[in-house]
Amino acid sequence: MRRLTVAALAMAALGLAGCGSTQASSSSKPTSSTTSSAASTSGTSGSSGTSGTSSSSGTSGTSGTSGTSASNGECTTSQLSASLGQPNGAAGSVYYHLVFTNNGSSTCYLEGYPGVSFVTTPDGAPIGAPANREANLDSSAPTEVSLASGASAYSVLQIVEAGNFPASSCGMTKVPGIRVYPPNQTASLYVATQQQACSDASTVVMNIGPLETQS
């Protein structure tokens, strides 16, 4: 009986020793402390352009302040100015070249479609629907356009006459300008141009094509 008791005590001691080893191993394992840092963005968006006076045709643009291109070479809003070329009317629509000019000191590039909306003031809320992307306006797919300092690129902007839409659904209203976002930018430019817009957000009055090199 005594021998059995001694054996049992020995087995219990071995069991306790095993548990202690496991605890020591667990407590000695380093805990990982994961810290995260904000990823740097590819350049910063420029400040929005300021309102300017319109030309006799009501299509003069305003510009952002001069700046440098983003770290990946993409043009930022701050180094660009925007303007509208002379109108060209056809079949109930008016077509413009929406022109972007690189006012910065270094070469940058643009690719894709600008964002365009009617507005009543440079910082006001958009009126109606934004411009719809339409590749067929210039029969070309979006490509990268390189802009040296002082060079320009353009997109074809089609503005359909608001009078073509039923008055009950259009909600025709006069606007003094458009807000323009260069591709991949969150800061905008303002272009003064007297237009008739539809305040109804489901009625698309504008179509915009991809950027291409200014000839």
Protein backbone atom coordinates (compact mmCIF):
# COMPACT_ATOMS: atom_id res chain seq x y z
CA MET A 1 0.00 0.00 0.00
CA ARG A 2 2.82 2.37 0.89
CA ARG A 3 4.63 1.56 -2.35
CA LEU A 4 1.50 2.45 -4.32
CA THR A 5 1.20 5.76 -2.50
CA VAL A 6 4.83 6.64 -3.24
CA ALA A 7 4.38 5.77 -6.89
CA ALA A 8 1.25 7.91 -7.10
CA LEU A 9 3.05 10.85 -5.53
CA ALA A 10 5.92 10.47 -7.99
CA MET A 11 3.53 10.47 -10.93
CA ALA A 12 1.77 13.59 -9.60
CA ALA A 13 5.13 15.36 -9.25
CA LEU A 14 5.98 14.55 -12.86
CA GLY A 15 2.59 15.90 -13.97
CA LEU A 16 3.14 19.19 -12.16
CA ALA A 17 6.59 19.54 -13.67
CA GLY A 18 5.11 19.14 -17.19
CA CYS A 19 2.51 21.86 -16.59
CA GLY A 20 5.15 24.26 -15.36
CA SER A 21 7.23 23.67 -18.47
CA THR A 22 4.27 24.49 -20.70
CA GLN A 23 3.52 27.70 -18.81
CA ALA A 24 7.13 28.82 -19.02
CA SER A 25 7.21 28.20 -22.74
CA SER A 26 3.99 30.17 -23.23
CA SER A 27 5.07 33.13 -21.13
CA SER A 28 8.45 33.36 -22.85
CA LYS A 29 6.90 33.67 -26.33
CA PRO A 30 7.24 37.30 -27.53
CA THR A 31 4.01 39.07 -28.31
CA SER A 32 3.95 40.95 -31.59
CA SER A 33 2.95 44.61 -31.46
CA THR A 34 1.71 45.65 -34.90
CA THR A 35 1.89 49.34 -35.70
CA SER A 36 0.44 50.81 -38.87
CA SER A 37 1.42 53.99 -40.65
CA ALA A 38 -0.65 55.82 -43.20
CA ALA A 39 0.49 55.06 -46.72
CA SER A 40 1.75 58.07 -48.56
CA THR A 41 -0.51 59.14 -51.38
CA SER A 42 0.67 59.76 -54.89
CA GLY A 43 0.89 63.52 -54.68
CA THR A 44 -1.63 65.83 -53.10
CA SER A 45 -4.71 67.26 -54.62
CA GLY A 46 -4.52 70.94 -55.40
CA SER A 47 -6.84 73.59 -54.14
CA SER A 48 -9.90 74.39 -56.15
CA GLY A 49 -9.77 77.11 -58.71
CA THR A 50 -11.23 80.52 -58.09
CA SER A 51 -13.99 82.18 -60.00
CA GLY A 52 -13.01 84.28 -62.97
CA THR A 53 -14.78 86.57 -65.38
CA SER A 54 -16.37 85.16 -68.47
CA SER A 55 -15.42 86.15 -71.99
CA SER A 56 -17.87 87.46 -74.54
CA SER A 57 -18.67 83.87 -75.46
CA GLY A 58 -19.11 82.98 -71.79
CA THR A 59 -16.54 80.20 -71.92
CA SER A 60 -13.47 81.49 -70.12
CA GLY A 61 -11.80 79.21 -67.60
CA THR A 62 -10.29 79.72 -64.20
CA SER A 63 -7.14 78.13 -62.94
CA GLY A 64 -5.74 76.62 -59.80
CA THR A 65 -2.45 77.81 -58.37
CA SER A 66 0.84 76.73 -59.90
CA GLY A 67 2.30 73.56 -58.42
CA THR A 68 4.29 70.43 -59.09
CA SER A 69 3.06 67.09 -60.30
CA ALA A 70 2.26 64.17 -58.02
CA SER A 71 5.05 61.77 -57.13
CA ASN A 72 3.83 59.34 -59.79
CA GLY A 73 3.90 62.05 -62.44
CA GLU A 74 0.14 62.55 -62.62
CA CYS A 75 -1.08 66.13 -63.02
CA THR A 76 -2.66 67.57 -59.88
CA THR A 77 -5.46 70.10 -59.84
CA SER A 78 -3.20 72.78 -58.36
CA GLN A 79 -0.96 72.89 -61.43
CA LEU A 80 -3.77 72.94 -63.98
CA SER A 81 -6.13 75.51 -65.43
CA ALA A 82 -9.34 74.69 -67.27
CA SER A 83 -11.24 76.51 -70.00
CA LEU A 84 -13.81 75.93 -72.72
CA GLY A 85 -13.05 76.43 -76.39
CA GLN A 86 -15.43 77.98 -78.87
CA PRO A 87 -18.87 76.34 -79.10
CA ASN A 88 -19.79 74.21 -82.09
CA GLY A 89 -23.51 73.53 -82.42
CA ALA A 90 -25.02 70.48 -84.11
CA ALA A 91 -28.41 68.73 -83.97
CA GLY A 92 -29.71 70.10 -80.68
CA SER A 93 -26.34 70.01 -78.91
CA VAL A 94 -23.36 72.30 -78.41
CA TYR A 95 -19.84 70.83 -78.41
CA TYR A 96 -16.83 72.34 -76.67
CA HIS A 97 -13.22 71.43 -76.12
CA LEU A 98 -12.74 71.32 -72.35
CA VAL A 99 -9.07 72.29 -72.20
CA PHE A 100 -6.60 71.56 -69.39
CA THR A 101 -3.28 73.45 -69.39
CA ASN A 102 -0.23 72.51 -67.32
CA ASN A 103 0.82 75.66 -65.45
CA GLY A 104 3.39 73.78 -63.37
CA SER A 105 7.13 73.72 -63.89
CA SER A 106 7.43 69.99 -64.63
CA THR A 107 5.95 67.54 -67.11
CA CYS A 108 2.96 65.53 -65.88
CA TYR A 109 0.30 63.33 -67.43
CA LEU A 110 -3.48 63.01 -67.57
CA GLU A 111 -5.48 59.91 -68.43
CA GLY A 112 -9.18 59.18 -68.49
CA TYR A 113 -12.30 61.28 -68.16
CA PRO A 114 -12.77 64.57 -66.32
CA GLY A 115 -15.70 64.95 -63.96
CA VAL A 116 -18.07 67.75 -64.96
CA SER A 117 -21.16 69.16 -63.23
CA PHE A 118 -23.29 72.27 -63.54
CA VAL A 119 -23.04 74.60 -60.53
CA THR A 120 -24.39 77.98 -59.51
CA THR A 121 -21.20 79.03 -57.67
CA PRO A 122 -17.60 77.69 -57.66
CA ASP A 123 -18.19 75.95 -54.33
CA GLY A 124 -21.92 75.39 -54.66
CA ALA A 125 -23.85 72.14 -54.86
CA PRO A 126 -24.08 70.49 -58.29
CA ILE A 127 -27.19 71.09 -60.39
CA GLY A 128 -28.78 68.10 -62.11
CA ALA A 129 -26.88 65.06 -63.33
CA PRO A 130 -23.08 65.04 -63.85
CA ALA A 131 -21.67 64.52 -67.32
CA ASN A 132 -21.90 60.99 -68.66
CA ARG A 133 -18.68 59.37 -69.90
CA GLU A 134 -18.88 58.79 -73.63
CA ALA A 135 -15.87 57.41 -75.52
CA ASN A 136 -17.57 57.85 -78.90
CA LEU A 137 -17.45 61.63 -78.67
CA ASP A 138 -13.92 61.60 -80.10
CA SER A 139 -13.73 57.99 -81.35
CA SER A 140 -10.78 57.10 -79.13
CA ALA A 141 -10.19 55.08 -75.99
CA PRO A 142 -8.61 56.71 -72.92
CA THR A 143 -4.83 56.97 -73.26
CA GLU A 144 -2.10 58.62 -71.21
CA VAL A 145 -1.50 62.20 -72.34
CA SER A 146 1.85 63.76 -71.42
CA LEU A 147 1.81 67.49 -70.71
CA ALA A 148 5.01 69.50 -70.68
CA SER A 149 4.98 72.80 -68.83
CA GLY A 150 2.61 75.10 -70.73
CA ALA A 151 1.10 72.30 -72.85
CA SER A 152 -2.62 71.47 -73.05
CA ALA A 153 -4.94 68.50 -73.46
CA TYR A 154 -8.68 68.45 -74.04
CA SER A 155 -11.85 66.42 -73.78
CA VAL A 156 -14.89 66.85 -76.00
CA LEU A 157 -17.82 68.12 -73.91
CA GLN A 158 -21.32 67.79 -75.35
CA ILE A 159 -24.09 69.88 -73.78
CA VAL A 160 -27.54 68.90 -75.01
CA GLU A 161 -30.02 71.77 -75.23
CA ALA A 162 -32.23 71.58 -72.16
CA GLY A 163 -35.21 72.57 -74.30
CA ASN A 164 -35.05 69.13 -75.95
CA PHE A 165 -36.37 67.55 -72.75
CA PRO A 166 -39.96 67.75 -71.45
CA ALA A 167 -40.31 70.79 -69.20
CA SER A 168 -42.10 68.70 -66.56
CA SER A 169 -39.14 66.34 -66.14
CA CYS A 170 -36.23 68.68 -66.92
CA GLY A 171 -36.76 71.53 -64.49
CA MET A 172 -34.88 73.97 -66.71
CA THR A 173 -32.62 76.41 -64.89
CA LYS A 174 -29.86 78.83 -65.87
CA VAL A 175 -26.37 78.17 -64.51
CA PRO A 176 -23.29 80.43 -64.64
CA GLY A 177 -20.63 77.73 -64.80
CA ILE A 178 -19.39 74.18 -64.48
CA ARG A 179 -17.25 72.44 -61.89
CA VAL A 180 -14.46 70.34 -63.40
CA TYR A 181 -12.42 67.57 -61.77
CA PRO A 182 -9.25 66.46 -63.56
CA PRO A 183 -8.96 62.64 -63.69
CA ASN A 184 -8.21 61.03 -60.31
CA GLN A 185 -8.33 64.34 -58.43
CA THR A 186 -10.60 65.38 -55.57
CA ALA A 187 -10.04 69.14 -55.90
CA SER A 188 -11.89 70.95 -58.65
CA LEU A 189 -11.66 73.88 -61.04
CA TYR A 190 -14.45 76.25 -62.00
CA VAL A 191 -15.19 77.39 -65.55
CA ALA A 192 -17.58 80.27 -66.13
CA THR A 193 -20.07 79.56 -68.94
CA GLN A 194 -23.71 80.59 -69.23
CA GLN A 195 -25.80 77.47 -69.87
CA GLN A 196 -29.31 76.09 -69.57
CA ALA A 197 -29.36 73.02 -67.34
CA CYS A 198 -31.93 70.49 -66.17
CA SER A 199 -32.22 70.47 -62.39
CA ASP A 200 -33.67 66.95 -62.48
CA ALA A 201 -30.88 64.58 -61.43
CA SER A 202 -32.13 61.78 -63.69
CA THR A 203 -31.91 63.88 -66.87
CA VAL A 204 -28.43 63.71 -68.41
CA VAL A 205 -27.66 66.93 -70.30
CA MET A 206 -23.86 66.59 -70.63
CA ASN A 207 -21.54 63.95 -72.08
CA ILE A 208 -17.75 64.02 -71.74
CA GLY A 209 -15.10 62.21 -73.78
CA PRO A 210 -11.62 61.02 -72.70
CA LEU A 211 -8.64 63.35 -72.65
CA GLU A 212 -6.43 63.61 -75.70
CA THR A 213 -3.51 65.72 -76.85
CA GLN A 214 -4.27 69.27 -77.92
CA SER A 215 -3.22 69.77 -81.53
